[in-house]
Every structure is written in structure tokens, then in C-alpha cells.
């Protein structure tokens, strides 16, 4: 792909060594983060028991982006329907703009419970603003080229209208 990329190996919940990040893309692990002391500083931490690792990683990533930075995350489709979703939603309202939620095609997953979605967040600050229309829907099956091509065009139009610069 001929891109300049730096990779860092560390516990993603610990303090990050890298700064000056404009965009982060992650396929997040799903499950509980076992070190409650590390999770204690996060607004998305669970009030009882272990916190969801994917919630903590979203918050950590967005906290470490530059103002106006964009985070693109692959998450469980049910992320906003769990017992810990309220804390995640409260943090999101105060810290980021929810720009898009797109379910991946269901044929990619063995069961509805395993289905994933793409969530696009933008950190407050800089030239960032809430998209006029949050992009929501399901990405068409790639085996349906006409539907997928139409979706791609809609996505490009939406991005041009909401991420100028």
C-alpha cells in the first residue's frame, strides 16, 4: 500500500507513548478488561465488576487523538444495547461526535450475536462538528455489486459533505 505506518506494542489501556494522532482504525477485541485498577480512570468503566475492553479502548483512543481526530472502530453490533452501554453513551455525548454506525453484512458472520458494525467517532475540537445526518444503516453484501456500488457512492458523498478540509 506504500503508506508510512508506525506500530506500537503495549497494553492499549495504559498511557500511550505516541502523540500527534489524527486518525485511528481498530478492530476491537470484545470482552472484559481484567485490570480494574487501570480501568478506574475511565468514564466508560463499569460500576461493578470488570469493564468492557472495547469501551475502554474506544475512550482511550479518542482521548489520545488530536482535536478533531477521527476514530473508526469495528465493534459488536449490539454495542449500544448491553448492560454497560449507558456509560459508553454518556461519555460519547460529552466527548465525541457520533458520525456513523454501519452494520457489516450479516452474511459475514456465523450468527446474529457475532455480527459487527463500524462506528465512526470524531473528537471535539479543531474544525470538528456533528454531521448534519449521522450515517446509519447496513453495508450491502459485497456479492450484490449494484447495491454495493450505490452504497459506496452514498458513503463518498456523505464523507465529502461532512469531512471537508
N, C-alpha and C. Protein backbone atom coordinates (compact mmCIF):
# COMPACT_ATOMS: atom_id res chain seq x y z
N UNK A 1 0.82 -1.20 0.00
CA UNK A 1 0.00 0.00 0.00
C UNK A 1 0.86 1.26 0.00
N UNK A 2 2.16 1.12 0.23
CA UNK A 2 3.07 2.26 0.21
C UNK A 2 2.65 3.38 1.14
N UNK A 3 2.32 3.02 2.40
CA UNK A 3 1.98 4.04 3.39
C UNK A 3 3.01 4.00 4.51
N UNK A 4 3.22 5.15 5.13
CA UNK A 4 4.11 5.25 6.26
C UNK A 4 3.32 4.88 7.51
N UNK A 5 3.75 3.83 8.22
CA UNK A 5 2.99 3.32 9.36
C UNK A 5 3.93 3.04 10.52
N UNK A 6 3.55 3.49 11.69
CA UNK A 6 4.27 3.16 12.91
C UNK A 6 3.35 2.29 13.76
N UNK A 7 3.85 1.18 14.27
CA UNK A 7 3.08 0.28 15.12
C UNK A 7 3.73 0.23 16.50
N UNK A 8 2.90 0.16 17.54
CA UNK A 8 3.38 0.13 18.91
C UNK A 8 2.73 -1.05 19.61
N UNK A 9 3.53 -1.79 20.37
CA UNK A 9 3.03 -2.96 21.10
C UNK A 9 2.98 -2.60 22.58
N UNK A 10 1.77 -2.51 23.13
CA UNK A 10 1.62 -2.19 24.54
C UNK A 10 0.18 -2.48 24.95
N UNK A 11 -0.09 -2.44 26.25
CA UNK A 11 -1.45 -2.53 26.75
C UNK A 11 -2.15 -1.25 26.34
N UNK A 12 -3.17 -1.35 25.53
CA UNK A 12 -3.86 -0.18 24.99
C UNK A 12 -4.55 0.67 26.03
N UNK A 13 -4.74 0.13 27.23
CA UNK A 13 -5.40 0.88 28.30
C UNK A 13 -4.38 1.70 29.09
N UNK A 14 -3.12 1.29 29.05
CA UNK A 14 -2.06 2.04 29.73
C UNK A 14 -1.80 3.36 29.00
N UNK A 15 -1.00 4.23 29.64
CA UNK A 15 -0.64 5.50 28.99
C UNK A 15 0.03 5.23 27.66
N UNK A 16 -0.34 5.98 26.65
CA UNK A 16 0.22 5.81 25.32
C UNK A 16 1.54 6.56 25.20
N UNK A 17 2.47 5.97 24.48
CA UNK A 17 3.76 6.60 24.24
C UNK A 17 3.72 7.52 23.03
N UNK A 18 2.77 7.32 22.16
CA UNK A 18 2.69 8.06 20.90
C UNK A 18 1.72 9.23 21.06
N UNK A 19 2.03 10.32 20.36
CA UNK A 19 1.15 11.50 20.35
C UNK A 19 1.00 11.95 18.90
N UNK A 20 0.25 13.00 18.69
CA UNK A 20 0.03 13.58 17.36
C UNK A 20 -0.63 12.59 16.41
N UNK A 21 -1.83 12.14 16.81
CA UNK A 21 -2.59 11.16 16.03
C UNK A 21 -3.85 11.83 15.51
N UNK A 22 -4.05 11.78 14.20
CA UNK A 22 -5.25 12.37 13.60
C UNK A 22 -6.33 11.33 13.33
N UNK A 23 -5.94 10.07 13.14
CA UNK A 23 -6.92 9.04 12.83
C UNK A 23 -6.45 7.71 13.42
N UNK A 24 -7.42 6.97 13.94
CA UNK A 24 -7.13 5.62 14.44
C UNK A 24 -8.20 4.69 13.88
N UNK A 25 -7.76 3.50 13.49
CA UNK A 25 -8.66 2.48 12.97
C UNK A 25 -8.39 1.21 13.76
N UNK A 26 -9.45 0.59 14.30
CA UNK A 26 -9.23 -0.59 15.13
C UNK A 26 -10.38 -1.58 15.02
N UNK A 27 -10.01 -2.84 14.93
CA UNK A 27 -10.95 -3.95 15.09
C UNK A 27 -10.79 -4.36 16.54
N UNK A 28 -11.69 -3.91 17.39
CA UNK A 28 -11.50 -4.03 18.82
C UNK A 28 -11.79 -5.43 19.35
N UNK A 29 -10.97 -5.86 20.32
CA UNK A 29 -11.27 -7.13 20.99
C UNK A 29 -12.53 -6.95 21.84
N UNK A 30 -13.31 -7.99 21.95
CA UNK A 30 -14.54 -7.94 22.71
C UNK A 30 -14.36 -8.79 23.96
N UNK A 31 -14.75 -8.25 25.07
CA UNK A 31 -14.66 -8.99 26.32
C UNK A 31 -14.38 -8.05 27.47
N UNK A 32 -14.03 -8.64 28.59
CA UNK A 32 -13.78 -7.85 29.79
C UNK A 32 -12.30 -7.56 29.94
N UNK A 33 -12.00 -6.35 30.40
CA UNK A 33 -10.62 -5.96 30.71
C UNK A 33 -10.36 -6.37 32.16
N UNK A 34 -9.31 -7.15 32.42
CA UNK A 34 -9.15 -7.76 33.74
C UNK A 34 -8.49 -6.90 34.81
N UNK A 35 -7.88 -5.77 34.46
CA UNK A 35 -7.14 -5.00 35.46
C UNK A 35 -7.98 -3.79 35.87
N UNK A 36 -8.81 -3.99 36.89
CA UNK A 36 -9.76 -2.96 37.31
C UNK A 36 -9.07 -1.66 37.72
N UNK A 37 -7.86 -1.74 38.27
CA UNK A 37 -7.14 -0.53 38.69
C UNK A 37 -6.83 0.36 37.48
N UNK A 38 -6.47 -0.25 36.35
CA UNK A 38 -6.20 0.53 35.13
C UNK A 38 -7.48 1.13 34.56
N UNK A 39 -8.59 0.42 34.71
CA UNK A 39 -9.86 0.89 34.16
C UNK A 39 -10.47 2.02 34.99
N UNK A 40 -10.03 2.16 36.24
CA UNK A 40 -10.66 3.10 37.18
C UNK A 40 -10.68 4.54 36.69
N UNK A 41 -9.72 4.95 35.86
CA UNK A 41 -9.64 6.35 35.42
C UNK A 41 -10.56 6.66 34.24
N UNK A 42 -11.25 5.67 33.72
CA UNK A 42 -12.08 5.86 32.53
C UNK A 42 -13.54 6.12 32.88
N UNK A 43 -14.17 7.00 32.12
CA UNK A 43 -15.59 7.28 32.32
C UNK A 43 -16.46 6.11 31.87
N UNK A 44 -15.94 5.26 30.98
CA UNK A 44 -16.72 4.13 30.48
C UNK A 44 -16.54 2.88 31.34
N UNK A 45 -15.86 3.00 32.46
CA UNK A 45 -15.64 1.83 33.32
C UNK A 45 -16.96 1.37 33.92
N UNK A 46 -17.01 0.10 34.22
CA UNK A 46 -18.20 -0.48 34.84
C UNK A 46 -18.26 -0.08 36.31
N UNK A 47 -19.46 0.13 36.83
CA UNK A 47 -19.61 0.43 38.25
C UNK A 47 -19.36 -0.80 39.11
N UNK A 48 -19.59 -1.97 38.53
CA UNK A 48 -19.39 -3.22 39.25
C UNK A 48 -18.70 -4.22 38.34
N UNK A 49 -17.71 -4.93 38.87
CA UNK A 49 -17.04 -5.96 38.09
C UNK A 49 -16.13 -5.37 37.04
N UNK A 50 -15.71 -6.24 36.12
CA UNK A 50 -14.80 -5.81 35.06
C UNK A 50 -15.54 -4.98 34.01
N UNK A 51 -14.80 -4.08 33.38
CA UNK A 51 -15.33 -3.22 32.33
C UNK A 51 -15.12 -3.89 30.97
N UNK A 52 -15.94 -3.51 30.02
CA UNK A 52 -15.74 -4.00 28.66
C UNK A 52 -14.47 -3.39 28.09
N UNK A 53 -13.60 -4.23 27.59
CA UNK A 53 -12.33 -3.77 27.00
C UNK A 53 -12.60 -2.86 25.81
N UNK A 54 -13.58 -3.19 24.98
CA UNK A 54 -13.82 -2.38 23.79
C UNK A 54 -14.31 -0.97 24.15
N UNK A 55 -15.05 -0.81 25.23
CA UNK A 55 -15.47 0.52 25.66
C UNK A 55 -14.25 1.33 26.11
N UNK A 56 -13.40 0.71 26.94
CA UNK A 56 -12.21 1.40 27.43
C UNK A 56 -11.28 1.78 26.29
N UNK A 57 -11.13 0.88 25.32
CA UNK A 57 -10.24 1.16 24.19
C UNK A 57 -10.76 2.27 23.29
N UNK A 58 -12.07 2.35 23.14
CA UNK A 58 -12.65 3.46 22.37
C UNK A 58 -12.35 4.77 23.09
N UNK A 59 -12.62 4.82 24.39
CA UNK A 59 -12.37 6.05 25.15
C UNK A 59 -10.88 6.41 25.12
N UNK A 60 -10.02 5.45 25.35
CA UNK A 60 -8.58 5.70 25.36
C UNK A 60 -8.11 6.22 24.00
N UNK A 61 -8.57 5.60 22.95
CA UNK A 61 -8.17 6.02 21.60
C UNK A 61 -8.62 7.45 21.33
N UNK A 62 -9.88 7.74 21.60
CA UNK A 62 -10.40 9.08 21.31
C UNK A 62 -9.72 10.13 22.19
N UNK A 63 -9.40 9.79 23.44
CA UNK A 63 -8.69 10.73 24.32
C UNK A 63 -7.31 11.07 23.78
N UNK A 64 -6.70 10.15 23.07
CA UNK A 64 -5.34 10.35 22.58
C UNK A 64 -5.25 10.94 21.18
N UNK A 65 -6.39 11.12 20.52
CA UNK A 65 -6.38 11.75 19.20
C UNK A 65 -6.24 13.26 19.34
N UNK A 66 -5.72 13.87 18.30
CA UNK A 66 -5.70 15.33 18.23
C UNK A 66 -7.14 15.83 18.17
N UNK A 67 -7.35 17.10 18.53
CA UNK A 67 -8.67 17.69 18.41
C UNK A 67 -9.18 17.52 16.98
N UNK A 68 -10.40 17.10 16.85
CA UNK A 68 -10.99 16.86 15.53
C UNK A 68 -10.61 15.52 14.92
N UNK A 69 -9.80 14.73 15.64
CA UNK A 69 -9.37 13.43 15.12
C UNK A 69 -10.53 12.47 14.98
N UNK A 70 -10.34 11.49 14.10
CA UNK A 70 -11.40 10.52 13.78
C UNK A 70 -10.97 9.13 14.21
N UNK A 71 -11.89 8.43 14.87
CA UNK A 71 -11.70 7.03 15.24
C UNK A 71 -12.70 6.18 14.50
N UNK A 72 -12.21 5.13 13.86
CA UNK A 72 -13.07 4.19 13.13
C UNK A 72 -12.89 2.84 13.80
N UNK A 73 -13.97 2.32 14.35
CA UNK A 73 -13.90 1.12 15.17
C UNK A 73 -14.84 0.03 14.67
N UNK A 74 -14.34 -1.20 14.63
CA UNK A 74 -15.19 -2.35 14.37
C UNK A 74 -15.57 -2.90 15.74
N UNK A 75 -16.86 -2.93 16.01
CA UNK A 75 -17.39 -3.26 17.33
C UNK A 75 -18.55 -4.24 17.19
N UNK A 76 -18.98 -4.87 18.29
CA UNK A 76 -20.18 -5.70 18.22
C UNK A 76 -21.39 -4.86 17.81
N UNK A 77 -22.23 -5.38 16.95
CA UNK A 77 -23.42 -4.64 16.51
C UNK A 77 -24.32 -4.24 17.67
N UNK A 78 -24.28 -4.99 18.73
CA UNK A 78 -25.15 -4.74 19.89
C UNK A 78 -24.49 -3.81 20.91
N UNK A 79 -23.46 -3.07 20.54
CA UNK A 79 -22.68 -2.26 21.49
C UNK A 79 -23.53 -1.28 22.29
N UNK A 80 -24.60 -0.78 21.70
CA UNK A 80 -25.43 0.20 22.40
C UNK A 80 -26.63 -0.45 23.10
N UNK A 81 -26.62 -1.78 23.20
CA UNK A 81 -27.74 -2.49 23.81
C UNK A 81 -27.30 -3.43 24.92
N UNK A 82 -26.17 -3.15 25.56
CA UNK A 82 -25.66 -4.00 26.63
C UNK A 82 -25.87 -3.33 27.97
N UNK A 83 -25.57 -4.07 29.04
CA UNK A 83 -25.73 -3.51 30.38
C UNK A 83 -24.75 -2.37 30.66
N UNK A 84 -23.65 -2.28 29.92
CA UNK A 84 -22.68 -1.19 30.13
C UNK A 84 -22.82 -0.08 29.08
N UNK A 85 -23.82 -0.17 28.23
CA UNK A 85 -23.98 0.81 27.14
C UNK A 85 -24.28 2.22 27.65
N UNK A 86 -24.96 2.34 28.77
CA UNK A 86 -25.32 3.66 29.28
C UNK A 86 -24.08 4.50 29.57
N UNK A 87 -23.06 3.90 30.19
CA UNK A 87 -21.83 4.63 30.49
C UNK A 87 -21.12 5.06 29.20
N UNK A 88 -21.09 4.16 28.22
CA UNK A 88 -20.48 4.48 26.94
C UNK A 88 -21.22 5.65 26.28
N UNK A 89 -22.53 5.58 26.26
CA UNK A 89 -23.34 6.64 25.64
C UNK A 89 -23.15 7.99 26.34
N UNK A 90 -23.12 7.97 27.67
CA UNK A 90 -22.92 9.21 28.42
C UNK A 90 -21.57 9.83 28.09
N UNK A 91 -20.53 9.01 28.03
CA UNK A 91 -19.20 9.51 27.69
C UNK A 91 -19.20 10.08 26.26
N UNK A 92 -19.83 9.36 25.34
CA UNK A 92 -19.84 9.81 23.94
C UNK A 92 -20.49 11.18 23.81
N UNK A 93 -21.60 11.39 24.47
CA UNK A 93 -22.32 12.67 24.37
C UNK A 93 -21.44 13.83 24.80
N UNK A 94 -20.60 13.62 25.81
CA UNK A 94 -19.78 14.72 26.33
C UNK A 94 -18.43 14.87 25.64
N UNK A 95 -17.98 13.86 24.90
CA UNK A 95 -16.58 13.87 24.44
C UNK A 95 -16.38 13.76 22.93
N UNK A 96 -17.33 13.17 22.22
CA UNK A 96 -17.13 12.90 20.80
C UNK A 96 -18.42 13.14 20.03
N UNK A 97 -18.27 13.22 18.72
CA UNK A 97 -19.43 13.25 17.83
C UNK A 97 -19.57 11.86 17.24
N UNK A 98 -20.75 11.29 17.36
CA UNK A 98 -21.06 10.02 16.70
C UNK A 98 -21.42 10.37 15.26
N UNK A 99 -20.55 9.98 14.32
CA UNK A 99 -20.75 10.37 12.93
C UNK A 99 -21.40 9.27 12.10
N UNK A 100 -21.14 8.00 12.44
CA UNK A 100 -21.70 6.91 11.63
C UNK A 100 -21.75 5.62 12.44
N UNK A 101 -22.77 4.83 12.16
CA UNK A 101 -22.89 3.46 12.66
C UNK A 101 -23.40 2.62 11.50
N UNK A 102 -22.56 1.71 11.02
CA UNK A 102 -22.90 0.89 9.86
C UNK A 102 -22.71 -0.59 10.20
N UNK A 103 -23.80 -1.34 10.18
CA UNK A 103 -23.68 -2.79 10.38
C UNK A 103 -22.98 -3.40 9.19
N UNK A 104 -22.05 -4.31 9.47
CA UNK A 104 -21.43 -5.07 8.39
C UNK A 104 -22.43 -6.10 7.88
N UNK A 105 -22.29 -6.57 6.66
CA UNK A 105 -23.25 -7.52 6.09
C UNK A 105 -23.38 -8.78 6.97
N UNK A 106 -24.60 -9.19 7.23
CA UNK A 106 -24.84 -10.33 8.12
C UNK A 106 -24.27 -11.63 7.58
N UNK A 107 -24.11 -11.74 6.27
CA UNK A 107 -23.59 -12.99 5.70
C UNK A 107 -22.11 -13.21 6.05
N UNK A 108 -21.46 -12.21 6.62
CA UNK A 108 -20.06 -12.36 7.03
C UNK A 108 -19.91 -13.07 8.37
N UNK A 109 -21.03 -13.28 9.07
CA UNK A 109 -20.97 -13.80 10.44
C UNK A 109 -21.79 -15.07 10.60
N UNK A 110 -21.31 -15.94 11.48
CA UNK A 110 -21.96 -17.22 11.71
C UNK A 110 -23.30 -17.08 12.44
N UNK A 111 -23.45 -16.01 13.23
CA UNK A 111 -24.70 -15.81 13.97
C UNK A 111 -24.94 -14.32 14.17
N UNK A 112 -26.17 -13.98 14.52
CA UNK A 112 -26.52 -12.59 14.79
C UNK A 112 -25.71 -12.04 15.96
N UNK A 113 -25.44 -12.88 16.95
CA UNK A 113 -24.68 -12.47 18.13
C UNK A 113 -23.24 -12.09 17.77
N UNK A 114 -22.71 -12.66 16.72
CA UNK A 114 -21.32 -12.40 16.31
C UNK A 114 -21.20 -11.20 15.38
N UNK A 115 -22.32 -10.66 14.93
CA UNK A 115 -22.29 -9.58 13.93
C UNK A 115 -21.59 -8.34 14.46
N UNK A 116 -20.90 -7.65 13.57
CA UNK A 116 -20.12 -6.46 13.92
C UNK A 116 -20.64 -5.25 13.14
N UNK A 117 -20.24 -4.09 13.63
CA UNK A 117 -20.59 -2.83 12.99
C UNK A 117 -19.35 -1.94 12.96
N UNK A 118 -19.40 -0.94 12.09
CA UNK A 118 -18.36 0.07 12.03
C UNK A 118 -18.94 1.32 12.67
N UNK A 119 -18.22 1.85 13.67
CA UNK A 119 -18.63 3.08 14.34
C UNK A 119 -17.56 4.13 14.05
N UNK A 120 -18.00 5.30 13.60
CA UNK A 120 -17.09 6.41 13.32
C UNK A 120 -17.37 7.52 14.33
N UNK A 121 -16.32 7.88 15.06
CA UNK A 121 -16.40 8.94 16.07
C UNK A 121 -15.42 10.05 15.70
N UNK A 122 -15.75 11.27 16.10
CA UNK A 122 -14.83 12.38 15.90
C UNK A 122 -14.69 13.13 17.22
N UNK A 123 -13.45 13.39 17.59
CA UNK A 123 -13.17 14.10 18.84
C UNK A 123 -13.58 15.56 18.69
N UNK A 124 -14.13 16.11 19.76
CA UNK A 124 -14.47 17.53 19.77
C UNK A 124 -13.21 18.36 19.58
N UNK A 125 -13.38 19.56 19.07
CA UNK A 125 -12.27 20.49 18.91
C UNK A 125 -11.86 20.63 17.47
N UNK A 126 -10.92 21.54 17.24
CA UNK A 126 -10.48 21.78 15.87
C UNK A 126 -11.65 22.23 15.01
N UNK A 127 -11.72 21.71 13.81
CA UNK A 127 -12.82 22.04 12.89
C UNK A 127 -13.95 21.02 12.96
N UNK A 128 -13.95 20.18 13.98
CA UNK A 128 -14.96 19.12 14.04
C UNK A 128 -16.33 19.67 14.36
N UNK A 129 -17.34 18.95 13.89
CA UNK A 129 -18.73 19.27 14.20
C UNK A 129 -19.54 18.00 13.98
N UNK A 130 -20.70 17.98 14.59
CA UNK A 130 -21.59 16.85 14.39
C UNK A 130 -22.08 16.84 12.94
N UNK A 131 -22.02 15.69 12.31
CA UNK A 131 -22.55 15.56 10.95
C UNK A 131 -24.02 15.96 10.94
N UNK A 132 -24.44 16.63 9.88
CA UNK A 132 -25.85 17.01 9.77
C UNK A 132 -26.73 15.78 9.84
N UNK A 133 -26.30 14.71 9.22
CA UNK A 133 -27.03 13.44 9.26
C UNK A 133 -26.05 12.33 9.65
N UNK A 134 -26.28 11.74 10.81
CA UNK A 134 -25.46 10.60 11.21
C UNK A 134 -25.73 9.49 10.20
N UNK A 135 -24.65 8.93 9.66
CA UNK A 135 -24.79 7.86 8.67
C UNK A 135 -25.10 6.56 9.39
N UNK A 136 -26.28 6.02 9.15
CA UNK A 136 -26.71 4.78 9.80
C UNK A 136 -27.28 3.85 8.76
N UNK A 137 -27.01 2.56 8.94
CA UNK A 137 -27.57 1.57 8.03
C UNK A 137 -26.75 0.31 8.04
N UNK A 138 -26.94 -0.48 7.00
CA UNK A 138 -26.22 -1.74 6.85
C UNK A 138 -25.46 -1.71 5.55
N UNK A 139 -24.21 -2.08 5.61
CA UNK A 139 -23.39 -2.16 4.40
C UNK A 139 -23.91 -3.35 3.59
N UNK A 140 -24.21 -3.15 2.32
CA UNK A 140 -24.74 -4.25 1.50
C UNK A 140 -23.72 -5.38 1.32
N UNK A 141 -24.23 -6.54 1.08
CA UNK A 141 -23.42 -7.71 0.78
C UNK A 141 -22.57 -7.40 -0.45
N UNK A 142 -21.29 -7.70 -0.37
CA UNK A 142 -20.39 -7.43 -1.50
C UNK A 142 -20.69 -8.32 -2.69
N UNK A 143 -21.49 -9.36 -2.50
CA UNK A 143 -21.90 -10.22 -3.62
C UNK A 143 -23.05 -9.61 -4.42
N UNK A 144 -23.49 -8.43 -4.03
CA UNK A 144 -24.52 -7.69 -4.76
C UNK A 144 -23.88 -6.40 -5.28
N UNK A 145 -23.14 -6.50 -6.37
CA UNK A 145 -22.32 -5.37 -6.84
C UNK A 145 -23.08 -4.06 -7.06
N UNK A 146 -24.28 -4.12 -7.58
CA UNK A 146 -25.03 -2.88 -7.84
C UNK A 146 -25.38 -2.18 -6.52
N UNK A 147 -25.86 -2.94 -5.54
CA UNK A 147 -26.18 -2.36 -4.24
C UNK A 147 -24.92 -1.82 -3.56
N UNK A 148 -23.84 -2.60 -3.65
CA UNK A 148 -22.61 -2.19 -3.01
C UNK A 148 -22.04 -0.94 -3.67
N UNK A 149 -22.10 -0.85 -4.97
CA UNK A 149 -21.61 0.32 -5.70
C UNK A 149 -22.43 1.56 -5.32
N UNK A 150 -23.74 1.41 -5.21
CA UNK A 150 -24.59 2.53 -4.79
C UNK A 150 -24.27 2.97 -3.37
N UNK A 151 -24.03 2.00 -2.49
CA UNK A 151 -23.65 2.33 -1.12
C UNK A 151 -22.33 3.09 -1.10
N UNK A 152 -21.36 2.63 -1.88
CA UNK A 152 -20.05 3.28 -1.94
C UNK A 152 -20.19 4.74 -2.38
N UNK A 153 -21.03 4.98 -3.37
CA UNK A 153 -21.25 6.35 -3.85
C UNK A 153 -21.90 7.20 -2.75
N UNK A 154 -22.90 6.66 -2.06
CA UNK A 154 -23.55 7.38 -0.97
C UNK A 154 -22.55 7.69 0.15
N UNK A 155 -21.70 6.73 0.47
CA UNK A 155 -20.70 6.92 1.52
C UNK A 155 -19.72 8.03 1.14
N UNK A 156 -19.28 8.03 -0.10
CA UNK A 156 -18.35 9.07 -0.55
C UNK A 156 -19.01 10.44 -0.52
N UNK A 157 -20.26 10.54 -0.94
CA UNK A 157 -20.98 11.82 -0.89
C UNK A 157 -21.12 12.29 0.56
N UNK A 158 -21.51 11.39 1.45
CA UNK A 158 -21.67 11.72 2.86
C UNK A 158 -20.34 12.22 3.44
N UNK A 159 -19.25 11.52 3.15
CA UNK A 159 -17.93 11.90 3.67
C UNK A 159 -17.52 13.28 3.14
N UNK A 160 -17.73 13.53 1.86
CA UNK A 160 -17.40 14.83 1.28
C UNK A 160 -18.18 15.96 1.95
N UNK A 161 -19.44 15.69 2.25
CA UNK A 161 -20.29 16.72 2.87
C UNK A 161 -20.01 16.95 4.34
N UNK A 162 -19.43 15.96 5.01
CA UNK A 162 -19.26 16.06 6.46
C UNK A 162 -17.81 16.19 6.93
N UNK A 163 -16.86 15.89 6.08
CA UNK A 163 -15.45 15.96 6.48
C UNK A 163 -14.67 16.79 5.48
N UNK A 164 -15.08 18.02 5.31
CA UNK A 164 -14.39 18.92 4.39
C UNK A 164 -13.05 19.32 4.98
N UNK A 165 -12.10 19.54 4.11
CA UNK A 165 -10.84 20.02 4.64
C UNK A 165 -9.74 19.39 4.03
